[in-house]
């Protein structure tokens, strides 16, 4: 389950990627999504569609690994 949480953290990284990356071709997807929203015009439809597409790999991975999460939580709750 640590792998799932590590993947989610790296996949959704925004702060460090937006600070340290200066080349637009290297941006992570969440950093790239911020260009749909600015001070003068916001394209919320593209932003919402991109957010759903970014969420799909995490949801798919969670569905595949869900049984291990439940198994780990239930085995850690029982002493002995």
PDB file of N, CA and C in Angstrom:
ATOM      1  N   UNK A   1       0.805  -1.183   0.000  1.00  0.00           N
ATOM      2  CA  UNK A   1       0.000   0.000   0.000  1.00  0.00           C
ATOM      3  C   UNK A   1       0.854   1.255   0.000  1.00  0.00           C
ATOM      4  N   UNK A   2       2.049   1.142   0.486  1.00  0.00           N
ATOM      5  CA  UNK A   2       2.950   2.285   0.453  1.00  0.00           C
ATOM      6  C   UNK A   2       3.222   2.708  -0.984  1.00  0.00           C
ATOM      7  N   UNK A   3       3.272   1.740  -1.870  1.00  0.00           N
ATOM      8  CA  UNK A   3       3.477   2.050  -3.284  1.00  0.00           C
ATOM      9  C   UNK A   3       2.341   2.881  -3.864  1.00  0.00           C
ATOM     10  N   UNK A   4       1.105   2.574  -3.465  1.00  0.00           N
ATOM     11  CA  UNK A   4      -0.042   3.346  -3.946  1.00  0.00           C
ATOM     12  C   UNK A   4       0.034   4.783  -3.456  1.00  0.00           C
ATOM     13  N   UNK A   5       0.355   4.972  -2.183  1.00  0.00           N
ATOM     14  CA  UNK A   5       0.455   6.326  -1.653  1.00  0.00           C
ATOM     15  C   UNK A   5       1.633   7.087  -2.261  1.00  0.00           C
ATOM     16  N   UNK A   6       2.737   6.408  -2.514  1.00  0.00           N
ATOM     17  CA  UNK A   6       3.876   7.053  -3.161  1.00  0.00           C
ATOM     18  C   UNK A   6       3.545   7.449  -4.595  1.00  0.00           C
ATOM     19  N   UNK A   7       2.827   6.584  -5.290  1.00  0.00           N
ATOM     20  CA  UNK A   7       2.423   6.904  -6.660  1.00  0.00           C
ATOM     21  C   UNK A   7       1.492   8.106  -6.673  1.00  0.00           C
ATOM     22  N   UNK A   8       0.510   8.131  -5.763  1.00  0.00           N
ATOM     23  CA  UNK A   8      -0.428   9.245  -5.715  1.00  0.00           C
ATOM     24  C   UNK A   8       0.286  10.553  -5.402  1.00  0.00           C
ATOM     25  N   UNK A   9       1.244  10.513  -4.507  1.00  0.00           N
ATOM     26  CA  UNK A   9       1.985  11.719  -4.159  1.00  0.00           C
ATOM     27  C   UNK A   9       2.803  12.230  -5.345  1.00  0.00           C
ATOM     28  N   UNK A  10       3.499  11.335  -6.007  1.00  0.00           N
ATOM     29  CA  UNK A  10       4.318  11.749  -7.152  1.00  0.00           C
ATOM     30  C   UNK A  10       3.454  12.180  -8.334  1.00  0.00           C
ATOM     31  N   UNK A  11       2.341  11.504  -8.545  1.00  0.00           N
ATOM     32  CA  UNK A  11       1.485  11.814  -9.678  1.00  0.00           C
ATOM     33  C   UNK A  11       0.822  13.181  -9.526  1.00  0.00           C
ATOM     34  N   UNK A  12       0.452  13.521  -8.316  1.00  0.00           N
ATOM     35  CA  UNK A  12      -0.271  14.764  -8.077  1.00  0.00           C
ATOM     36  C   UNK A  12       0.626  15.889  -7.565  1.00  0.00           C
ATOM     37  N   UNK A  13       1.917  15.751  -7.704  1.00  0.00           N
ATOM     38  CA  UNK A  13       2.849  16.768  -7.209  1.00  0.00           C
ATOM     39  C   UNK A  13       2.617  18.094  -7.920  1.00  0.00           C
ATOM     40  N   UNK A  14       2.397  19.133  -7.155  1.00  0.00           N
ATOM     41  CA  UNK A  14       2.158  20.440  -7.747  1.00  0.00           C
ATOM     42  C   UNK A  14       3.169  21.472  -7.275  1.00  0.00           C
ATOM     43  N   UNK A  15       3.356  21.590  -5.983  1.00  0.00           N
ATOM     44  CA  UNK A  15       4.169  22.665  -5.417  1.00  0.00           C
ATOM     45  C   UNK A  15       5.623  22.575  -5.898  1.00  0.00           C
ATOM     46  N   UNK A  16       6.264  21.439  -5.668  1.00  0.00           N
ATOM     47  CA  UNK A  16       7.681  21.327  -6.052  1.00  0.00           C
ATOM     48  C   UNK A  16       7.867  21.388  -7.566  1.00  0.00           C
ATOM     49  N   UNK A  17       6.952  20.767  -8.296  1.00  0.00           N
ATOM     50  CA  UNK A  17       7.075  20.800  -9.761  1.00  0.00           C
ATOM     51  C   UNK A  17       6.906  22.210 -10.301  1.00  0.00           C
ATOM     52  N   UNK A  18       6.003  22.981  -9.709  1.00  0.00           N
ATOM     53  CA  UNK A  18       5.810  24.338 -10.219  1.00  0.00           C
ATOM     54  C   UNK A  18       6.942  25.277  -9.805  1.00  0.00           C
ATOM     55  N   UNK A  19       7.624  24.967  -8.723  1.00  0.00           N
ATOM     56  CA  UNK A  19       8.727  25.820  -8.268  1.00  0.00           C
ATOM     57  C   UNK A  19      10.019  25.528  -9.032  1.00  0.00           C
ATOM     58  N   UNK A  20      10.361  24.259  -9.164  1.00  0.00           N
ATOM     59  CA  UNK A  20      11.678  23.900  -9.681  1.00  0.00           C
ATOM     60  C   UNK A  20      11.759  23.717 -11.189  1.00  0.00           C
ATOM     61  N   UNK A  21      10.661  23.461 -11.849  1.00  0.00           N
ATOM     62  CA  UNK A  21      10.715  23.229 -13.296  1.00  0.00           C
ATOM     63  C   UNK A  21      10.464  24.531 -14.040  1.00  0.00           C
ATOM     64  N   UNK A  22      11.365  24.851 -14.946  1.00  0.00           N
ATOM     65  CA  UNK A  22      11.191  26.066 -15.729  1.00  0.00           C
ATOM     66  C   UNK A  22      10.900  25.777 -17.205  1.00  0.00           C
ATOM     67  N   UNK A  23      11.038  24.535 -17.619  1.00  0.00           N
ATOM     68  CA  UNK A  23      10.753  24.150 -18.997  1.00  0.00           C
ATOM     69  C   UNK A  23       9.341  23.577 -19.063  1.00  0.00           C
ATOM     70  N   UNK A  24       8.481  24.163 -19.884  1.00  0.00           N
ATOM     71  CA  UNK A  24       7.089  23.737 -19.949  1.00  0.00           C
ATOM     72  C   UNK A  24       6.921  22.303 -20.425  1.00  0.00           C
ATOM     73  N   UNK A  25       7.876  21.776 -21.161  1.00  0.00           N
ATOM     74  CA  UNK A  25       7.752  20.400 -21.647  1.00  0.00           C
ATOM     75  C   UNK A  25       7.980  19.386 -20.531  1.00  0.00           C
ATOM     76  N   UNK A  26       8.521  19.803 -19.403  1.00  0.00           N
ATOM     77  CA  UNK A  26       8.784  18.894 -18.286  1.00  0.00           C
ATOM     78  C   UNK A  26       7.747  18.980 -17.171  1.00  0.00           C
ATOM     79  N   UNK A  27       6.758  19.851 -17.305  1.00  0.00           N
ATOM     80  CA  UNK A  27       5.756  20.013 -16.252  1.00  0.00           C
ATOM     81  C   UNK A  27       4.974  18.720 -16.026  1.00  0.00           C
ATOM     82  N   UNK A  28       4.584  18.509 -14.792  1.00  0.00           N
ATOM     83  CA  UNK A  28       3.669  17.421 -14.506  1.00  0.00           C
ATOM     84  C   UNK A  28       2.270  17.842 -14.958  1.00  0.00           C
ATOM     85  N   UNK A  29       1.362  16.908 -15.027  1.00  0.00           N
ATOM     86  CA  UNK A  29       0.020  17.215 -15.537  1.00  0.00           C
ATOM     87  C   UNK A  29      -0.708  18.227 -14.656  1.00  0.00           C
ATOM     88  N   UNK A  30      -0.687  18.103 -13.326  1.00  0.00           N
ATOM     89  CA  UNK A  30      -1.371  19.127 -12.522  1.00  0.00           C
ATOM     90  C   UNK A  30      -0.809  20.537 -12.717  1.00  0.00           C
ATOM     91  N   UNK A  31       0.480  20.662 -12.919  1.00  0.00           N
ATOM     92  CA  UNK A  31       1.063  21.984 -13.170  1.00  0.00           C
ATOM     93  C   UNK A  31       0.620  22.492 -14.534  1.00  0.00           C
ATOM     94  N   UNK A  32       0.522  21.618 -15.501  1.00  0.00           N
ATOM     95  CA  UNK A  32       0.044  22.017 -16.817  1.00  0.00           C
ATOM     96  C   UNK A  32      -1.413  22.449 -16.800  1.00  0.00           C
ATOM     97  N   UNK A  33      -2.197  21.861 -15.913  1.00  0.00           N
ATOM     98  CA  UNK A  33      -3.611  22.229 -15.822  1.00  0.00           C
ATOM     99  C   UNK A  33      -3.815  23.651 -15.329  1.00  0.00           C
ATOM    100  N   UNK A  34      -2.864  24.188 -14.619  1.00  0.00           N
ATOM    101  CA  UNK A  34      -3.057  25.535 -14.078  1.00  0.00           C
ATOM    102  C   UNK A  34      -3.092  26.596 -15.176  1.00  0.00           C
ATOM    103  N   UNK A  35      -2.619  26.274 -16.362  1.00  0.00           N
ATOM    104  CA  UNK A  35      -2.650  27.237 -17.462  1.00  0.00           C
ATOM    105  C   UNK A  35      -4.050  27.423 -18.035  1.00  0.00           C
ATOM    106  N   UNK A  36      -4.988  26.554 -17.675  1.00  0.00           N
ATOM    107  CA  UNK A  36      -6.366  26.740 -18.106  1.00  0.00           C
ATOM    108  C   UNK A  36      -7.080  27.794 -17.270  1.00  0.00           C
ATOM    109  N   UNK A  37      -6.518  28.151 -16.122  1.00  0.00           N
ATOM    110  CA  UNK A  37      -7.145  29.135 -15.242  1.00  0.00           C
ATOM    111  C   UNK A  37      -6.153  30.272 -15.035  1.00  0.00           C
ATOM    112  N   UNK A  38      -6.547  31.492 -15.407  1.00  0.00           N
ATOM    113  CA  UNK A  38      -5.692  32.652 -15.178  1.00  0.00           C
ATOM    114  C   UNK A  38      -6.547  33.859 -14.814  1.00  0.00           C
ATOM    115  N   UNK A  39      -5.944  35.014 -14.743  1.00  0.00           N
ATOM    116  CA  UNK A  39      -6.643  36.210 -14.275  1.00  0.00           C
ATOM    117  C   UNK A  39      -7.684  36.734 -15.260  1.00  0.00           C
ATOM    118  N   UNK A  40      -7.459  36.559 -16.527  1.00  0.00           N
ATOM    119  CA  UNK A  40      -8.307  37.199 -17.523  1.00  0.00           C
ATOM    120  C   UNK A  40      -9.363  36.274 -18.119  1.00  0.00           C
ATOM    121  N   UNK A  41      -9.046  35.030 -18.300  1.00  0.00           N
ATOM    122  CA  UNK A  41     -10.003  34.075 -18.868  1.00  0.00           C
ATOM    123  C   UNK A  41      -9.752  32.700 -18.254  1.00  0.00           C
ATOM    124  N   UNK A  42     -10.812  32.069 -17.847  1.00  0.00           N
ATOM    125  CA  UNK A  42     -10.698  30.729 -17.267  1.00  0.00           C
ATOM    126  C   UNK A  42     -11.484  29.750 -18.122  1.00  0.00           C
ATOM    127  N   UNK A  43     -10.828  28.704 -18.499  1.00  0.00           N
ATOM    128  CA  UNK A  43     -11.476  27.663 -19.297  1.00  0.00           C
ATOM    129  C   UNK A  43     -11.776  26.488 -18.372  1.00  0.00           C
ATOM    130  N   UNK A  44     -12.858  26.612 -17.626  1.00  0.00           N
ATOM    131  CA  UNK A  44     -13.189  25.620 -16.611  1.00  0.00           C
ATOM    132  C   UNK A  44     -13.556  24.278 -17.217  1.00  0.00           C
ATOM    133  N   UNK A  45     -14.111  24.261 -18.415  1.00  0.00           N
ATOM    134  CA  UNK A  45     -14.480  22.985 -19.023  1.00  0.00           C
ATOM    135  C   UNK A  45     -13.243  22.148 -19.339  1.00  0.00           C
ATOM    136  N   UNK A  46     -12.207  22.778 -19.882  1.00  0.00           N
ATOM    137  CA  UNK A  46     -10.961  22.045 -20.148  1.00  0.00           C
ATOM    138  C   UNK A  46     -10.265  21.649 -18.850  1.00  0.00           C
ATOM    139  N   UNK A  47     -10.317  22.522 -17.863  1.00  0.00           N
ATOM    140  CA  UNK A  47      -9.712  22.221 -16.566  1.00  0.00           C
ATOM    141  C   UNK A  47     -10.403  21.029 -15.908  1.00  0.00           C
ATOM    142  N   UNK A  48     -11.727  20.997 -15.946  1.00  0.00           N
ATOM    143  CA  UNK A  48     -12.471  19.892 -15.351  1.00  0.00           C
ATOM    144  C   UNK A  48     -12.205  18.579 -16.088  1.00  0.00           C
ATOM    145  N   UNK A  49     -12.176  18.638 -17.418  1.00  0.00           N
ATOM    146  CA  UNK A  49     -11.899  17.432 -18.198  1.00  0.00           C
ATOM    147  C   UNK A  49     -10.485  16.918 -17.931  1.00  0.00           C
ATOM    148  N   UNK A  50      -9.522  17.825 -17.855  1.00  0.00           N
ATOM    149  CA  UNK A  50      -8.149  17.420 -17.544  1.00  0.00           C
ATOM    150  C   UNK A  50      -8.023  16.843 -16.148  1.00  0.00           C
ATOM    151  N   UNK A  51      -8.754  17.401 -15.205  1.00  0.00           N
ATOM    152  CA  UNK A  51      -8.711  16.887 -13.834  1.00  0.00           C
ATOM    153  C   UNK A  51      -9.255  15.469 -13.762  1.00  0.00           C
ATOM    154  N   UNK A  52     -10.301  15.197 -14.516  1.00  0.00           N
ATOM    155  CA  UNK A  52     -10.851  13.834 -14.543  1.00  0.00           C
ATOM    156  C   UNK A  52      -9.852  12.880 -15.180  1.00  0.00           C
ATOM    157  N   UNK A  53      -9.214  13.294 -16.264  1.00  0.00           N
ATOM    158  CA  UNK A  53      -8.227  12.429 -16.918  1.00  0.00           C
ATOM    159  C   UNK A  53      -7.021  12.168 -16.022  1.00  0.00           C
ATOM    160  N   UNK A  54      -6.633  13.159 -15.218  1.00  0.00           N
ATOM    161  CA  UNK A  54      -5.510  12.981 -14.303  1.00  0.00           C
ATOM    162  C   UNK A  54      -5.885  12.012 -13.186  1.00  0.00           C
ATOM    163  N   UNK A  55      -7.142  12.001 -12.793  1.00  0.00           N
ATOM    164  CA  UNK A  55      -7.590  11.153 -11.694  1.00  0.00           C
ATOM    165  C   UNK A  55      -7.759   9.693 -12.099  1.00  0.00           C
ATOM    166  N   UNK A  56      -7.958   9.416 -13.360  1.00  0.00           N
ATOM    167  CA  UNK A  56      -8.243   8.048 -13.802  1.00  0.00           C
ATOM    168  C   UNK A  56      -7.149   7.029 -13.466  1.00  0.00           C
ATOM    169  N   UNK A  57      -5.860   7.305 -13.685  1.00  0.00           N
ATOM    170  CA  UNK A  57      -4.850   6.299 -13.311  1.00  0.00           C
ATOM    171  C   UNK A  57      -4.823   6.005 -11.813  1.00  0.00           C
ATOM    172  N   UNK A  58      -5.034   7.005 -10.993  1.00  0.00           N
ATOM    173  CA  UNK A  58      -5.031   6.790  -9.545  1.00  0.00           C
ATOM    174  C   UNK A  58      -6.235   5.948  -9.143  1.00  0.00           C
ATOM    175  N   UNK A  59      -7.394   6.231  -9.725  1.00  0.00           N
ATOM    176  CA  UNK A  59      -8.596   5.453  -9.423  1.00  0.00           C
ATOM    177  C   UNK A  59      -8.423   4.012  -9.868  1.00  0.00           C
ATOM    178  N   UNK A  60      -7.884   3.802 -11.057  1.00  0.00           N
ATOM    179  CA  UNK A  60      -7.667   2.440 -11.557  1.00  0.00           C
ATOM    180  C   UNK A  60      -6.698   1.677 -10.665  1.00  0.00           C
ATOM    181  N   UNK A  61      -5.626   2.321 -10.259  1.00  0.00           N
ATOM    182  CA  UNK A  61      -4.663   1.658  -9.382  1.00  0.00           C
ATOM    183  C   UNK A  61      -5.276   1.348  -8.026  1.00  0.00           C
ATOM    184  N   UNK A  62      -6.093   2.239  -7.508  1.00  0.00           N
ATOM    185  CA  UNK A  62      -6.752   1.996  -6.231  1.00  0.00           C
ATOM    186  C   UNK A  62      -7.718   0.824  -6.324  1.00  0.00           C
ATOM    187  N   UNK A  63      -8.467   0.725  -7.417  1.00  0.00           N
ATOM    188  CA  UNK A  63      -9.403  -0.391  -7.580  1.00  0.00           C
ATOM    189  C   UNK A  63      -8.653  -1.713  -7.619  1.00  0.00           C
ATOM    190  N   UNK A  64      -7.515  -1.745  -8.298  1.00  0.00           N
ATOM    191  CA  UNK A  64      -6.722  -2.975  -8.380  1.00  0.00           C
ATOM    192  C   UNK A  64      -6.131  -3.344  -7.022  1.00  0.00           C
ATOM    193  N   UNK A  65      -5.666  -2.366  -6.268  1.00  0.00           N
ATOM    194  CA  UNK A  65      -4.975  -2.641  -5.002  1.00  0.00           C
ATOM    195  C   UNK A  65      -5.864  -2.508  -3.770  1.00  0.00           C
ATOM    196  N   UNK A  66      -7.158  -2.345  -3.950  1.00  0.00           N
ATOM    197  CA  UNK A  66      -8.054  -2.126  -2.824  1.00  0.00           C
ATOM    198  C   UNK A  66      -8.077  -3.308  -1.860  1.00  0.00           C
ATOM    199  N   UNK A  67      -8.010  -4.522  -2.363  1.00  0.00           N
ATOM    200  CA  UNK A  67      -8.056  -5.684  -1.468  1.00  0.00           C
ATOM    201  C   UNK A  67      -6.850  -5.737  -0.547  1.00  0.00           C
ATOM    202  N   UNK A  68      -5.707  -5.269  -1.029  1.00  0.00           N
ATOM    203  CA  UNK A  68      -4.519  -5.244  -0.185  1.00  0.00           C
ATOM    204  C   UNK A  68      -4.625  -4.168   0.888  1.00  0.00           C
ATOM    205  N   UNK A  69      -5.269  -3.071   0.567  1.00  0.00           N
ATOM    206  CA  UNK A  69      -5.479  -2.018   1.554  1.00  0.00           C
ATOM    207  C   UNK A  69      -6.371  -2.516   2.681  1.00  0.00           C
ATOM    208  N   UNK A  70      -7.467  -3.162   2.340  1.00  0.00           N
ATOM    209  CA  UNK A  70      -8.378  -3.692   3.353  1.00  0.00           C
ATOM    210  C   UNK A  70      -7.687  -4.783   4.165  1.00  0.00           C
ATOM    211  N   UNK A  71      -6.935  -5.633   3.514  1.00  0.00           N
ATOM    212  CA  UNK A  71      -6.208  -6.699   4.208  1.00  0.00           C
ATOM    213  C   UNK A  71      -5.178  -6.116   5.170  1.00  0.00           C
ATOM    214  N   UNK A  72      -4.448  -5.112   4.750  1.00  0.00           N
ATOM    215  CA  UNK A  72      -3.443  -4.499   5.609  1.00  0.00           C
ATOM    216  C   UNK A  72      -4.042  -3.766   6.787  1.00  0.00           C
ATOM    217  N   UNK A  73      -5.140  -3.067   6.566  1.00  0.00           N
ATOM    218  CA  UNK A  73      -5.804  -2.358   7.653  1.00  0.00           C
ATOM    219  C   UNK A  73      -6.421  -3.304   8.658  1.00  0.00           C
ATOM    220  N   UNK A  74      -7.009  -4.403   8.180  1.00  0.00           N
ATOM    221  CA  UNK A  74      -7.645  -5.333   9.110  1.00  0.00           C
ATOM    222  C   UNK A  74      -6.630  -6.185   9.851  1.00  0.00           C
ATOM    223  N   UNK A  75      -5.509  -6.521   9.230  1.00  0.00           N
ATOM    224  CA  UNK A  75      -4.512  -7.327   9.927  1.00  0.00           C
ATOM    225  C   UNK A  75      -3.731  -6.484  10.926  1.00  0.00           C
ATOM    226  N   UNK A  76      -3.614  -5.198  10.677  1.00  0.00           N
ATOM    227  CA  UNK A  76      -2.915  -4.338  11.624  1.00  0.00           C
ATOM    228  C   UNK A  76      -3.769  -3.951  12.813  1.00  0.00           C
ATOM    229  N   UNK A  77      -5.080  -4.122  12.700  1.00  0.00           N
ATOM    230  CA  UNK A  77      -5.978  -3.740  13.779  1.00  0.00           C
ATOM    231  C   UNK A  77      -6.124  -4.837  14.832  1.00  0.00           C
ATOM    232  N   UNK A  78      -5.763  -6.062  14.479  1.00  0.00           N
ATOM    233  CA  UNK A  78      -5.931  -7.174  15.390  1.00  0.00           C
ATOM    234  C   UNK A  78      -4.597  -7.489  16.051  1.00  0.00           C
ATOM    235  N   UNK A  79      -4.588  -7.512  17.345  1.00  0.00           N
ATOM    236  CA  UNK A  79      -3.349  -7.798  18.076  1.00  0.00           C
ATOM    237  C   UNK A  79      -3.194  -9.302  18.233  1.00  0.00           C
ATOM    238  N   UNK A  80      -1.995  -9.782  17.898  1.00  0.00           N
ATOM    239  CA  UNK A  80      -1.694 -11.196  18.122  1.00  0.00           C
ATOM    240  C   UNK A  80      -1.887 -12.004  16.964  1.00  0.00           C
TER     241      UNK A  80
END
